[in-house]
Amino acid sequence: MLGLSPAPVETVGGSFACANCGERVPAEVDGTQHRNHCPKCLWSVHLDHRPGDRAACCGGPMEPVAVWVRKGDEWAIIHRCRECGEFSSNRIAGDDNEMLLLSLAARPLARPPFPIERV
């Protein structure tokens, strides 16, 4: 399980090891220009202020907390940094775990902020 201090992002030939689950992640894949998350667990590391700029100095683990639909019906993952609390959004990639994406989308329905009996 993820600790408070993630392993440094290790790059090898354009790929990196996920700091959360250890999966080897290819840097280039259909559906995204700036890969910033693991396709297996969807976790990320706080590296960017804007996609691809690698300007953030936090380096904290970023938990996938939600998905949203951008213009053109394009899905994106919302991550929250466990260190500084900053949120970021990045489009999904062609090899992302579809079941995890759907579970993020269903989370508000599965855990409503009020007792369901009131509905």
C-alpha atoms as a PDB file:
ATOM      1  CA  MET A   1       0.000   0.000   0.000  1.00  0.00           C
ATOM      2  CA  LEU A   2       1.077   3.571  -0.605  1.00  0.00           C
ATOM      3  CA  GLY A   3       3.017   5.290   2.152  1.00  0.00           C
ATOM      4  CA  LEU A   4       3.231   9.016   2.715  1.00  0.00           C
ATOM      5  CA  SER A   5       6.535   9.328   0.858  1.00  0.00           C
ATOM      6  CA  PRO A   6       6.393   7.776  -2.616  1.00  0.00           C
ATOM      7  CA  ALA A   7       9.359   6.183  -4.266  1.00  0.00           C
ATOM      8  CA  PRO A   8      11.065   8.531  -6.705  1.00  0.00           C
ATOM      9  CA  VAL A   9       9.841   8.300 -10.260  1.00  0.00           C
ATOM     10  CA  GLU A  10      12.303   6.111 -12.112  1.00  0.00           C
ATOM     11  CA  THR A  11      12.492   6.576 -15.863  1.00  0.00           C
ATOM     12  CA  VAL A  12      13.907   3.894 -18.116  1.00  0.00           C
ATOM     13  CA  GLY A  13      13.727   4.296 -21.878  1.00  0.00           C
ATOM     14  CA  GLY A  14      10.706   6.587 -21.676  1.00  0.00           C
ATOM     15  CA  SER A  15       8.841   4.384 -19.203  1.00  0.00           C
ATOM     16  CA  PHE A  16       8.553   4.696 -15.431  1.00  0.00           C
ATOM     17  CA  ALA A  17       7.737   2.539 -12.428  1.00  0.00           C
ATOM     18  CA  CYS A  18       4.497   3.402 -10.614  1.00  0.00           C
ATOM     19  CA  ALA A  19       5.313   4.707  -7.115  1.00  0.00           C
ATOM     20  CA  ASN A  20       2.082   3.136  -5.813  1.00  0.00           C
ATOM     21  CA  CYS A  21       1.928  -0.387  -7.285  1.00  0.00           C
ATOM     22  CA  GLY A  22       5.313  -0.810  -9.004  1.00  0.00           C
ATOM     23  CA  GLU A  23       3.825  -1.446 -12.470  1.00  0.00           C
ATOM     24  CA  ARG A  24       6.151  -0.567 -15.378  1.00  0.00           C
ATOM     25  CA  VAL A  25       4.321   2.211 -17.246  1.00  0.00           C
ATOM     26  CA  PRO A  26       5.048   3.089 -20.902  1.00  0.00           C
ATOM     27  CA  ALA A  27       5.426   6.850 -21.399  1.00  0.00           C
ATOM     28  CA  GLU A  28       3.647   6.875 -24.755  1.00  0.00           C
ATOM     29  CA  VAL A  29       0.233   5.340 -25.389  1.00  0.00           C
ATOM     30  CA  ASP A  30      -2.846   6.133 -27.463  1.00  0.00           C
ATOM     31  CA  GLY A  31      -5.089   8.755 -25.906  1.00  0.00           C
ATOM     32  CA  THR A  32      -2.574  10.981 -24.156  1.00  0.00           C
ATOM     33  CA  GLN A  33       0.458  13.133 -24.924  1.00  0.00           C
ATOM     34  CA  HIS A  34       1.703  13.497 -21.346  1.00  0.00           C
ATOM     35  CA  ARG A  35       1.348  10.234 -19.457  1.00  0.00           C
ATOM     36  CA  ASN A  36       1.180  11.084 -15.764  1.00  0.00           C
ATOM     37  CA  HIS A  37      -0.537   8.094 -14.168  1.00  0.00           C
ATOM     38  CA  CYS A  38      -0.371   4.327 -13.908  1.00  0.00           C
ATOM     39  CA  PRO A  39      -2.854   2.463 -16.147  1.00  0.00           C
ATOM     40  CA  LYS A  40      -3.198  -0.325 -13.558  1.00  0.00           C
ATOM     41  CA  CYS A  41      -4.000   1.614 -10.331  1.00  0.00           C
ATOM     42  CA  LEU A  42      -4.521   5.141 -11.821  1.00  0.00           C
ATOM     43  CA  TRP A  43      -2.286   6.750  -9.148  1.00  0.00           C
ATOM     44  CA  SER A  44       0.122   9.520 -10.131  1.00  0.00           C
ATOM     45  CA  VAL A  45       2.977  11.556  -8.651  1.00  0.00           C
ATOM     46  CA  HIS A  46       2.766  15.335  -8.282  1.00  0.00           C
ATOM     47  CA  LEU A  47       5.226  16.406 -10.990  1.00  0.00           C
ATOM     48  CA  ASP A  48       3.325  18.931 -13.135  1.00  0.00           C
ATOM     49  CA  HIS A  49       1.614  22.281 -12.732  1.00  0.00           C
ATOM     50  CA  ARG A  50       0.393  21.954 -16.319  1.00  0.00           C
ATOM     51  CA  PRO A  51       0.374  18.615 -18.169  1.00  0.00           C
ATOM     52  CA  GLY A  52       3.916  17.774 -19.221  1.00  0.00           C
ATOM     53  CA  ASP A  53       5.742  20.752 -17.679  1.00  0.00           C
ATOM     54  CA  ARG A  54       7.327  18.745 -14.785  1.00  0.00           C
ATOM     55  CA  ALA A  55       7.462  22.049 -12.827  1.00  0.00           C
ATOM     56  CA  ALA A  56       5.924  20.935  -9.513  1.00  0.00           C
ATOM     57  CA  CYS A  57       8.441  20.444  -6.721  1.00  0.00           C
ATOM     58  CA  CYS A  58       6.057  18.607  -4.353  1.00  0.00           C
ATOM     59  CA  GLY A  59       6.589  15.044  -5.611  1.00  0.00           C
ATOM     60  CA  GLY A  60       3.767  13.715  -3.436  1.00  0.00           C
ATOM     61  CA  PRO A  61       1.553  10.744  -4.305  1.00  0.00           C
ATOM     62  CA  MET A  62      -1.608  11.693  -6.192  1.00  0.00           C
ATOM     63  CA  GLU A  63      -4.710   9.628  -5.545  1.00  0.00           C
ATOM     64  CA  PRO A  64      -7.351   9.233  -8.270  1.00  0.00           C
ATOM     65  CA  VAL A  65     -10.506  10.684  -6.686  1.00  0.00           C
ATOM     66  CA  ALA A  66     -12.932  11.208  -9.573  1.00  0.00           C
ATOM     67  CA  VAL A  67     -13.476  11.343 -13.303  1.00  0.00           C
ATOM     68  CA  TRP A  68     -15.159  14.057 -15.319  1.00  0.00           C
ATOM     69  CA  VAL A  69     -16.171  14.544 -18.934  1.00  0.00           C
ATOM     70  CA  ARG A  70     -14.379  17.251 -20.889  1.00  0.00           C
ATOM     71  CA  LYS A  71     -15.434  18.871 -24.155  1.00  0.00           C
ATOM     72  CA  GLY A  72     -16.110  16.321 -26.853  1.00  0.00           C
ATOM     73  CA  ASP A  73     -17.102  13.618 -24.344  1.00  0.00           C
ATOM     74  CA  GLU A  74     -13.459  13.026 -23.422  1.00  0.00           C
ATOM     75  CA  TRP A  75     -12.922  11.535 -19.949  1.00  0.00           C
ATOM     76  CA  ALA A  76     -10.271  12.825 -17.551  1.00  0.00           C
ATOM     77  CA  ILE A  77      -9.099  11.656 -14.126  1.00  0.00           C
ATOM     78  CA  ILE A  78      -9.003  14.080 -11.204  1.00  0.00           C
ATOM     79  CA  HIS A  79      -6.086  13.432  -8.843  1.00  0.00           C
ATOM     80  CA  ARG A  80      -5.567  14.907  -5.352  1.00  0.00           C
ATOM     81  CA  CYS A  81      -2.038  15.196  -3.961  1.00  0.00           C
ATOM     82  CA  ARG A  82      -1.699  13.479  -0.587  1.00  0.00           C
ATOM     83  CA  GLU A  83       1.126  15.871   0.397  1.00  0.00           C
ATOM     84  CA  CYS A  84      -0.101  19.359  -0.551  1.00  0.00           C
ATOM     85  CA  GLY A  85      -3.786  18.783  -1.392  1.00  0.00           C
ATOM     86  CA  GLU A  86      -3.567  20.224  -4.917  1.00  0.00           C
ATOM     87  CA  PHE A  87      -5.971  18.828  -7.510  1.00  0.00           C
ATOM     88  CA  SER A  88      -5.076  18.138 -11.135  1.00  0.00           C
ATOM     89  CA  SER A  89      -6.844  16.726 -14.166  1.00  0.00           C
ATOM     90  CA  ASN A  90      -5.406  14.567 -16.921  1.00  0.00           C
ATOM     91  CA  ARG A  91      -7.124  12.804 -19.784  1.00  0.00           C
ATOM     92  CA  ILE A  92      -7.464   9.052 -19.613  1.00  0.00           C
ATOM     93  CA  ALA A  93      -5.205   6.862 -21.735  1.00  0.00           C
ATOM     94  CA  GLY A  94      -6.151   3.991 -24.018  1.00  0.00           C
ATOM     95  CA  ASP A  95      -4.750   1.349 -21.667  1.00  0.00           C
ATOM     96  CA  ASP A  96      -6.249   2.642 -18.385  1.00  0.00           C
ATOM     97  CA  ASN A  97      -8.026   0.154 -16.111  1.00  0.00           C
ATOM     98  CA  GLU A  98     -11.651   0.461 -17.257  1.00  0.00           C
ATOM     99  CA  MET A  99     -13.118  -1.066 -14.084  1.00  0.00           C
ATOM    100  CA  LEU A 100     -11.297   1.461 -11.897  1.00  0.00           C
ATOM    101  CA  LEU A 101     -12.464   4.308 -14.139  1.00  0.00           C
ATOM    102  CA  LEU A 102     -16.069   3.117 -13.829  1.00  0.00           C
ATOM    103  CA  SER A 103     -15.741   2.716 -10.065  1.00  0.00           C
ATOM    104  CA  LEU A 104     -14.525   6.331  -9.811  1.00  0.00           C
ATOM    105  CA  ALA A 105     -17.497   7.442 -11.916  1.00  0.00           C
ATOM    106  CA  ALA A 106     -19.945   5.473  -9.727  1.00  0.00           C
ATOM    107  CA  ARG A 107     -18.467   6.581  -6.383  1.00  0.00           C
ATOM    108  CA  PRO A 108     -20.881   9.524  -5.835  1.00  0.00           C
ATOM    109  CA  LEU A 109     -23.867   7.223  -6.415  1.00  0.00           C
ATOM    110  CA  ALA A 110     -22.475   4.502  -4.147  1.00  0.00           C
ATOM    111  CA  ARG A 111     -21.722   6.918  -1.292  1.00  0.00           C
ATOM    112  CA  PRO A 112     -24.309   9.719  -1.304  1.00  0.00           C
ATOM    113  CA  PRO A 113     -23.712  12.613   1.130  1.00  0.00           C
ATOM    114  CA  PHE A 114     -27.107  12.030   2.768  1.00  0.00           C
ATOM    115  CA  PRO A 115     -29.094   9.051   4.086  1.00  0.00           C
ATOM    116  CA  ILE A 116     -30.644   7.219   1.136  1.00  0.00           C
ATOM    117  CA  GLU A 117     -33.851   6.703   3.146  1.00  0.00           C
ATOM    118  CA  ARG A 118     -34.580  10.429   2.751  1.00  0.00           C
ATOM    119  CA  VAL A 119     -34.937  10.102  -1.011  1.00  0.00           C
END
